[in-house]
Amino acid sequence: MNNTRNIRSKAVDIITIYFGEDMAKIYNNFYEDKPAEIIGESVVELLTEYLGETVAKKQLHKFGIK
């Protein structure tokens, strides 16, 4: 449970940076009942599509995701 909250918090922080507060609120609500694995996969896919694989990997690594 604590790991899920940690991943969710990091994912929402990343989404806030790249997509803004409104989008982050939507994802925060969406992630509320999701396991850590799903949250991680979701934010990886979202950032990869937006930034490209290389930049996304760097950013996700910086936040400790994947």
N, C-alpha and C. Protein backbone atom coordinates (compact mmCIF):
# COMPACT_ATOMS: atom_id res chain seq x y z
N MET A 1 0.82 -1.20 0.00
CA MET A 1 0.00 0.00 0.00
C MET A 1 0.86 1.26 0.00
N ASN A 2 1.88 1.28 0.86
CA ASN A 2 2.76 2.43 0.91
C ASN A 2 3.50 2.63 -0.41
N ASN A 3 3.93 1.52 -1.04
CA ASN A 3 4.59 1.60 -2.34
C ASN A 3 3.64 2.18 -3.39
N THR A 4 2.38 1.78 -3.33
CA THR A 4 1.40 2.30 -4.28
C THR A 4 1.24 3.81 -4.10
N ARG A 5 1.15 4.27 -2.87
CA ARG A 5 1.04 5.71 -2.61
C ARG A 5 2.27 6.46 -3.11
N ASN A 6 3.43 5.87 -2.91
CA ASN A 6 4.68 6.48 -3.34
C ASN A 6 4.74 6.61 -4.86
N ILE A 7 4.42 5.54 -5.56
CA ILE A 7 4.41 5.55 -7.03
C ILE A 7 3.36 6.53 -7.53
N ARG A 8 2.20 6.52 -6.92
CA ARG A 8 1.12 7.43 -7.33
C ARG A 8 1.56 8.88 -7.16
N SER A 9 2.17 9.19 -6.04
CA SER A 9 2.64 10.55 -5.78
C SER A 9 3.68 10.98 -6.82
N LYS A 10 4.62 10.11 -7.12
CA LYS A 10 5.65 10.43 -8.11
C LYS A 10 5.03 10.60 -9.50
N ALA A 11 4.11 9.71 -9.84
CA ALA A 11 3.46 9.79 -11.15
C ALA A 11 2.69 11.10 -11.30
N VAL A 12 1.97 11.47 -10.26
CA VAL A 12 1.19 12.72 -10.30
C VAL A 12 2.13 13.93 -10.37
N ASP A 13 3.25 13.87 -9.67
CA ASP A 13 4.24 14.96 -9.75
C ASP A 13 4.75 15.13 -11.18
N ILE A 14 5.08 14.02 -11.82
CA ILE A 14 5.57 14.07 -13.20
C ILE A 14 4.49 14.62 -14.13
N ILE A 15 3.28 14.15 -13.97
CA ILE A 15 2.17 14.61 -14.81
C ILE A 15 1.94 16.09 -14.61
N THR A 16 2.05 16.57 -13.38
CA THR A 16 1.89 18.00 -13.10
C THR A 16 2.92 18.81 -13.87
N ILE A 17 4.15 18.36 -13.86
CA ILE A 17 5.23 19.09 -14.55
C ILE A 17 4.97 19.19 -16.05
N TYR A 18 4.59 18.09 -16.67
CA TYR A 18 4.47 18.06 -18.12
C TYR A 18 3.08 18.40 -18.66
N PHE A 19 2.05 18.19 -17.86
CA PHE A 19 0.69 18.36 -18.38
C PHE A 19 -0.17 19.33 -17.57
N GLY A 20 0.34 19.80 -16.44
CA GLY A 20 -0.39 20.78 -15.65
C GLY A 20 -1.24 20.18 -14.54
N GLU A 21 -1.70 21.08 -13.68
CA GLU A 21 -2.45 20.70 -12.47
C GLU A 21 -3.77 19.99 -12.79
N ASP A 22 -4.48 20.49 -13.78
CA ASP A 22 -5.79 19.90 -14.09
C ASP A 22 -5.66 18.45 -14.53
N MET A 23 -4.71 18.19 -15.40
CA MET A 23 -4.49 16.81 -15.85
C MET A 23 -4.02 15.95 -14.69
N ALA A 24 -3.17 16.49 -13.84
CA ALA A 24 -2.66 15.74 -12.69
C ALA A 24 -3.80 15.35 -11.75
N LYS A 25 -4.77 16.23 -11.56
CA LYS A 25 -5.92 15.91 -10.71
C LYS A 25 -6.74 14.76 -11.30
N ILE A 26 -6.90 14.79 -12.61
CA ILE A 26 -7.64 13.71 -13.28
C ILE A 26 -6.93 12.38 -13.07
N TYR A 27 -5.63 12.36 -13.29
CA TYR A 27 -4.87 11.13 -13.11
C TYR A 27 -4.80 10.71 -11.65
N ASN A 28 -4.71 11.66 -10.74
CA ASN A 28 -4.69 11.32 -9.32
C ASN A 28 -5.97 10.57 -8.95
N ASN A 29 -7.10 11.04 -9.43
CA ASN A 29 -8.37 10.35 -9.18
C ASN A 29 -8.40 8.99 -9.87
N PHE A 30 -7.91 8.93 -11.09
CA PHE A 30 -7.88 7.68 -11.85
C PHE A 30 -7.01 6.63 -11.15
N TYR A 31 -5.88 7.06 -10.60
CA TYR A 31 -4.94 6.15 -9.95
C TYR A 31 -5.37 5.72 -8.55
N GLU A 32 -6.38 6.34 -8.01
CA GLU A 32 -6.76 6.12 -6.61
C GLU A 32 -6.91 4.65 -6.23
N ASP A 33 -7.51 3.85 -7.07
CA ASP A 33 -7.74 2.44 -6.72
C ASP A 33 -6.90 1.47 -7.56
N LYS A 34 -5.87 2.01 -8.22
CA LYS A 34 -5.02 1.18 -9.08
C LYS A 34 -3.79 0.70 -8.31
N PRO A 35 -3.31 -0.51 -8.61
CA PRO A 35 -2.07 -1.00 -7.98
C PRO A 35 -0.85 -0.28 -8.56
N ALA A 36 0.25 -0.34 -7.83
CA ALA A 36 1.48 0.36 -8.23
C ALA A 36 1.93 -0.01 -9.64
N GLU A 37 1.80 -1.27 -10.00
CA GLU A 37 2.23 -1.74 -11.32
C GLU A 37 1.48 -1.02 -12.44
N ILE A 38 0.19 -0.89 -12.29
CA ILE A 38 -0.63 -0.22 -13.31
C ILE A 38 -0.29 1.27 -13.38
N ILE A 39 -0.10 1.90 -12.24
CA ILE A 39 0.26 3.32 -12.21
C ILE A 39 1.59 3.53 -12.92
N GLY A 40 2.56 2.69 -12.59
CA GLY A 40 3.88 2.80 -13.22
C GLY A 40 3.80 2.64 -14.73
N GLU A 41 3.09 1.63 -15.18
CA GLU A 41 2.95 1.39 -16.62
C GLU A 41 2.25 2.56 -17.30
N SER A 42 1.25 3.11 -16.64
CA SER A 42 0.49 4.21 -17.20
C SER A 42 1.36 5.45 -17.41
N VAL A 43 2.11 5.83 -16.38
CA VAL A 43 2.93 7.04 -16.49
C VAL A 43 4.08 6.83 -17.47
N VAL A 44 4.62 5.62 -17.54
CA VAL A 44 5.67 5.33 -18.53
C VAL A 44 5.11 5.51 -19.94
N GLU A 45 3.95 4.95 -20.20
CA GLU A 45 3.34 5.07 -21.52
C GLU A 45 3.01 6.52 -21.85
N LEU A 46 2.44 7.24 -20.90
CA LEU A 46 2.06 8.63 -21.11
C LEU A 46 3.27 9.49 -21.47
N LEU A 47 4.32 9.37 -20.68
CA LEU A 47 5.52 10.17 -20.92
C LEU A 47 6.26 9.76 -22.19
N THR A 48 6.29 8.47 -22.47
CA THR A 48 6.96 7.99 -23.67
C THR A 48 6.28 8.54 -24.93
N GLU A 49 4.97 8.55 -24.92
CA GLU A 49 4.24 9.08 -26.07
C GLU A 49 4.44 10.58 -26.22
N TYR A 50 4.57 11.28 -25.11
CA TYR A 50 4.70 12.74 -25.14
C TYR A 50 6.13 13.20 -25.41
N LEU A 51 7.11 12.56 -24.78
CA LEU A 51 8.49 13.03 -24.85
C LEU A 51 9.40 12.20 -25.74
N GLY A 52 8.95 11.02 -26.10
CA GLY A 52 9.82 10.08 -26.80
C GLY A 52 10.51 9.19 -25.78
N GLU A 53 10.94 8.04 -26.23
CA GLU A 53 11.45 7.02 -25.32
C GLU A 53 12.70 7.46 -24.54
N THR A 54 13.65 8.06 -25.21
CA THR A 54 14.92 8.42 -24.56
C THR A 54 14.72 9.46 -23.46
N VAL A 55 14.03 10.53 -23.77
CA VAL A 55 13.81 11.59 -22.78
C VAL A 55 12.91 11.09 -21.65
N ALA A 56 11.89 10.33 -22.00
CA ALA A 56 10.98 9.79 -20.98
C ALA A 56 11.74 8.91 -19.99
N LYS A 57 12.60 8.05 -20.48
CA LYS A 57 13.37 7.18 -19.59
C LYS A 57 14.21 7.99 -18.62
N LYS A 58 14.84 9.06 -19.11
CA LYS A 58 15.65 9.91 -18.24
C LYS A 58 14.80 10.56 -17.15
N GLN A 59 13.66 11.07 -17.53
CA GLN A 59 12.79 11.74 -16.57
C GLN A 59 12.22 10.76 -15.55
N LEU A 60 11.81 9.61 -16.01
CA LEU A 60 11.26 8.60 -15.11
C LEU A 60 12.33 8.10 -14.14
N HIS A 61 13.53 7.95 -14.63
CA HIS A 61 14.65 7.53 -13.77
C HIS A 61 14.92 8.60 -12.70
N LYS A 62 14.85 9.85 -13.11
CA LYS A 62 15.08 10.96 -12.18
C LYS A 62 14.07 10.92 -11.02
N PHE A 63 12.85 10.51 -11.32
CA PHE A 63 11.80 10.43 -10.30
C PHE A 63 11.74 9.07 -9.61
N GLY A 64 12.58 8.15 -10.05
CA GLY A 64 12.61 6.84 -9.41
C GLY A 64 11.53 5.89 -9.88
N ILE A 65 11.05 6.11 -11.09
CA ILE A 65 10.05 5.21 -11.68
C ILE A 65 10.71 4.53 -12.87
N LYS A 66 10.75 3.21 -12.84
CA LYS A 66 11.31 2.36 -13.90
C LYS A 66 12.79 2.55 -14.04
